[in-house]
Amino acid sequence: MERLLFLEPMYGFSAQQEYIAVSKKAEAKLREMANCLVGTNDLIAIYIPEGTEDVYQVGSQKGRVVGAVRLLPMPDGKTIRDYYFDDLLTQERRWPVGWPCEVVFAPPEGQAPVLRTLVEQFFRPKDFQPYVARLQYGPIKLESKMANALYEKLKPYRLQ
């Protein structure tokens, strides 16, 4: 059985995504997520924050859950430090640790579900900011009702 278990913020995403990466302070969460997911069919939903800087050129992806990935086993000779993203503005290593993945779902631009809409549907309208604020510390575990709703919205956009 395949499920969405986590929500990961990223500042860009494509159907060719080969890895995810997180901040140094989220390294423990990345390792916990990998321990839970690698070798299973369970997935990570990818969210592009509403406040993403224009330099990342995400267009209408802002505020949307733009896809889902499955973590792959870490290749021999590689470590989490081999998978990183630099900040496009400062050229500094902003997300220094990551994990290889394969994309499972990738809706066309503009068709991905809006996270704010789902949070307001399942919680209260004023809960959106506290909900996404947790993402500044790395990936979060999805509540089952949110996970199920996101899965149903992403399911038509399976790549494999």
Protein backbone atom coordinates (compact mmCIF):
# COMPACT_ATOMS: atom_id res chain seq x y z
CA MET A 1 0.00 0.00 0.00
CA GLU A 2 1.27 3.45 -0.93
CA ARG A 3 0.70 6.45 1.36
CA LEU A 4 1.81 10.04 1.73
CA LEU A 5 3.47 10.32 5.13
CA PHE A 6 5.47 13.55 5.13
CA LEU A 7 5.35 17.08 3.74
CA GLU A 8 8.65 18.62 2.64
CA PRO A 9 9.12 22.29 1.67
CA MET A 10 11.29 23.00 -1.37
CA TYR A 11 11.93 26.09 -3.49
CA GLY A 12 11.56 24.26 -6.77
CA PHE A 13 10.42 20.94 -8.14
CA SER A 14 10.21 19.13 -11.46
CA ALA A 15 9.26 15.70 -12.72
CA GLN A 16 13.01 15.05 -13.09
CA GLN A 17 13.81 15.74 -9.41
CA GLU A 18 16.61 13.39 -8.36
CA TYR A 19 16.92 14.30 -4.69
CA ILE A 20 15.52 16.38 -1.87
CA ALA A 21 17.58 18.47 0.54
CA VAL A 22 17.01 20.17 3.89
CA SER A 23 18.69 22.71 6.14
CA LYS A 24 21.37 21.65 8.62
CA LYS A 25 18.90 22.04 11.49
CA ALA A 26 16.58 19.55 9.77
CA GLU A 27 19.22 16.83 9.36
CA ALA A 28 17.78 14.71 12.19
CA LYS A 29 14.31 14.91 10.61
CA LEU A 30 15.75 13.89 7.24
CA ARG A 31 17.42 10.85 8.80
CA GLU A 32 14.22 9.95 10.69
CA MET A 33 12.19 10.28 7.49
CA ALA A 34 14.67 8.13 5.55
CA ASN A 35 14.64 5.45 8.26
CA CYS A 36 10.85 5.38 8.03
CA LEU A 37 10.51 5.48 4.23
CA VAL A 38 13.46 3.87 2.43
CA GLY A 39 12.49 0.43 1.21
CA THR A 40 8.75 1.17 1.40
CA ASN A 41 6.21 2.49 -1.08
CA ASP A 42 5.42 5.46 1.18
CA LEU A 43 5.91 8.98 -0.15
CA ILE A 44 6.82 12.56 0.65
CA ALA A 45 4.60 15.36 -0.63
CA ILE A 46 6.57 18.38 -1.91
CA TYR A 47 5.27 21.87 -1.07
CA ILE A 48 6.47 25.14 -2.61
CA PRO A 49 6.01 27.81 0.11
CA GLU A 50 3.87 30.84 -0.67
CA GLY A 51 6.77 33.12 0.23
CA THR A 52 9.26 31.58 -2.22
CA GLU A 53 11.52 34.28 -3.69
CA ASP A 54 10.99 35.13 -7.37
CA VAL A 55 14.62 34.22 -8.14
CA TYR A 56 13.58 30.54 -7.88
CA GLN A 57 11.16 31.04 -10.80
CA VAL A 58 8.42 28.77 -9.47
CA GLY A 59 5.57 30.73 -11.06
CA SER A 60 2.16 29.33 -10.20
CA GLN A 61 3.71 26.55 -8.08
CA LYS A 62 3.85 28.89 -5.05
CA GLY A 63 1.62 27.65 -2.27
CA ARG A 64 0.98 24.30 -3.93
CA VAL A 65 1.79 20.68 -3.22
CA VAL A 66 3.55 20.12 -6.53
CA GLY A 67 4.28 16.43 -6.39
CA ALA A 68 5.36 13.46 -4.37
CA VAL A 69 8.60 11.48 -4.21
CA ARG A 70 9.79 8.13 -2.95
CA LEU A 71 13.14 8.00 -1.18
CA LEU A 72 15.64 5.61 -2.71
CA PRO A 73 18.33 3.63 -0.90
CA MET A 74 21.49 5.67 -0.41
CA PRO A 75 23.95 4.61 -3.15
CA ASP A 76 27.19 2.94 -2.07
CA GLY A 77 29.90 5.51 -1.47
CA LYS A 78 27.42 8.39 -1.12
CA THR A 79 26.24 10.25 1.99
CA ILE A 80 23.59 12.85 2.78
CA ARG A 81 26.25 15.53 2.16
CA ASP A 82 26.41 14.58 -1.53
CA TYR A 83 22.82 15.80 -2.01
CA TYR A 84 22.44 19.54 -1.43
CA PHE A 85 21.07 22.78 -2.84
CA ASP A 86 22.79 26.15 -2.84
CA ASP A 87 20.83 29.35 -2.32
CA LEU A 88 20.42 31.07 -5.69
CA LEU A 89 20.66 34.53 -4.09
CA THR A 90 23.73 34.07 -1.89
CA GLN A 91 25.36 31.02 -3.54
CA GLU A 92 25.79 29.61 -0.03
CA ARG A 93 24.96 26.01 0.85
CA ARG A 94 21.50 26.67 2.32
CA TRP A 95 20.24 23.07 2.21
CA PRO A 96 23.41 21.04 2.85
CA VAL A 97 21.99 17.55 3.41
CA GLY A 98 19.67 15.49 1.27
CA TRP A 99 18.55 12.14 -0.01
CA PRO A 100 18.10 10.58 -3.47
CA CYS A 101 14.52 10.13 -4.63
CA GLU A 102 12.30 9.31 -7.57
CA VAL A 103 9.27 11.36 -8.53
CA VAL A 104 5.99 9.44 -8.35
CA PHE A 105 3.43 12.25 -8.84
CA ALA A 106 3.93 15.53 -10.71
CA PRO A 107 0.83 17.53 -11.72
CA PRO A 108 1.17 19.99 -14.61
CA GLU A 109 1.84 23.58 -13.53
CA GLY A 110 -1.29 25.20 -12.16
CA GLN A 111 -3.05 21.91 -11.43
CA ALA A 112 -1.35 20.98 -8.17
CA PRO A 113 -3.46 21.29 -5.00
CA VAL A 114 -3.22 24.52 -2.99
CA LEU A 115 -2.08 23.70 0.54
CA ARG A 116 -3.87 26.69 2.13
CA THR A 117 -7.21 25.44 0.76
CA LEU A 118 -6.71 22.00 2.28
CA VAL A 119 -5.55 23.33 5.65
CA GLU A 120 -8.61 25.59 5.78
CA GLN A 121 -10.83 22.65 4.81
CA PHE A 122 -9.54 20.29 7.49
CA PHE A 123 -8.66 22.77 10.21
CA ARG A 124 -9.65 26.41 10.75
CA PRO A 125 -8.86 29.25 8.33
CA LYS A 126 -6.52 30.88 10.85
CA ASP A 127 -4.54 27.63 11.21
CA PHE A 128 -2.62 27.98 7.92
CA GLN A 129 0.27 30.11 9.24
CA PRO A 130 0.93 27.88 12.28
CA TYR A 131 0.61 24.81 10.06
CA VAL A 132 3.27 25.92 7.56
CA ALA A 133 5.46 27.57 10.24
CA ARG A 134 6.41 24.06 11.38
CA LEU A 135 8.10 23.53 7.99
CA GLN A 136 10.89 25.94 8.86
CA TYR A 137 12.33 23.11 10.94
CA GLY A 138 12.17 20.61 8.09
CA PRO A 139 9.69 18.01 6.90
CA ILE A 140 6.56 17.35 8.95
CA LYS A 141 4.52 14.19 9.35
CA LEU A 142 1.14 14.53 7.68
CA GLU A 143 -2.11 14.03 9.56
CA SER A 144 -4.06 11.15 8.04
CA LYS A 145 -6.93 13.29 6.73
CA MET A 146 -4.50 15.69 5.04
CA ALA A 147 -2.40 12.82 3.70
CA ASN A 148 -5.44 11.05 2.25
CA ALA A 149 -6.80 14.24 0.62
CA LEU A 150 -3.43 15.10 -0.92
CA TYR A 151 -2.97 11.57 -2.19
CA GLU A 152 -6.36 11.66 -3.94
CA LYS A 153 -5.55 15.02 -5.53
CA LEU A 154 -2.10 13.89 -6.73
CA LYS A 155 -3.11 10.37 -7.81
CA PRO A 156 -4.21 11.35 -11.34
CA TYR A 157 -0.69 12.66 -12.01
CA ARG A 158 1.30 9.45 -11.52
CA LEU A 159 4.48 9.32 -13.58
CA GLN A 160 5.27 5.66 -13.10
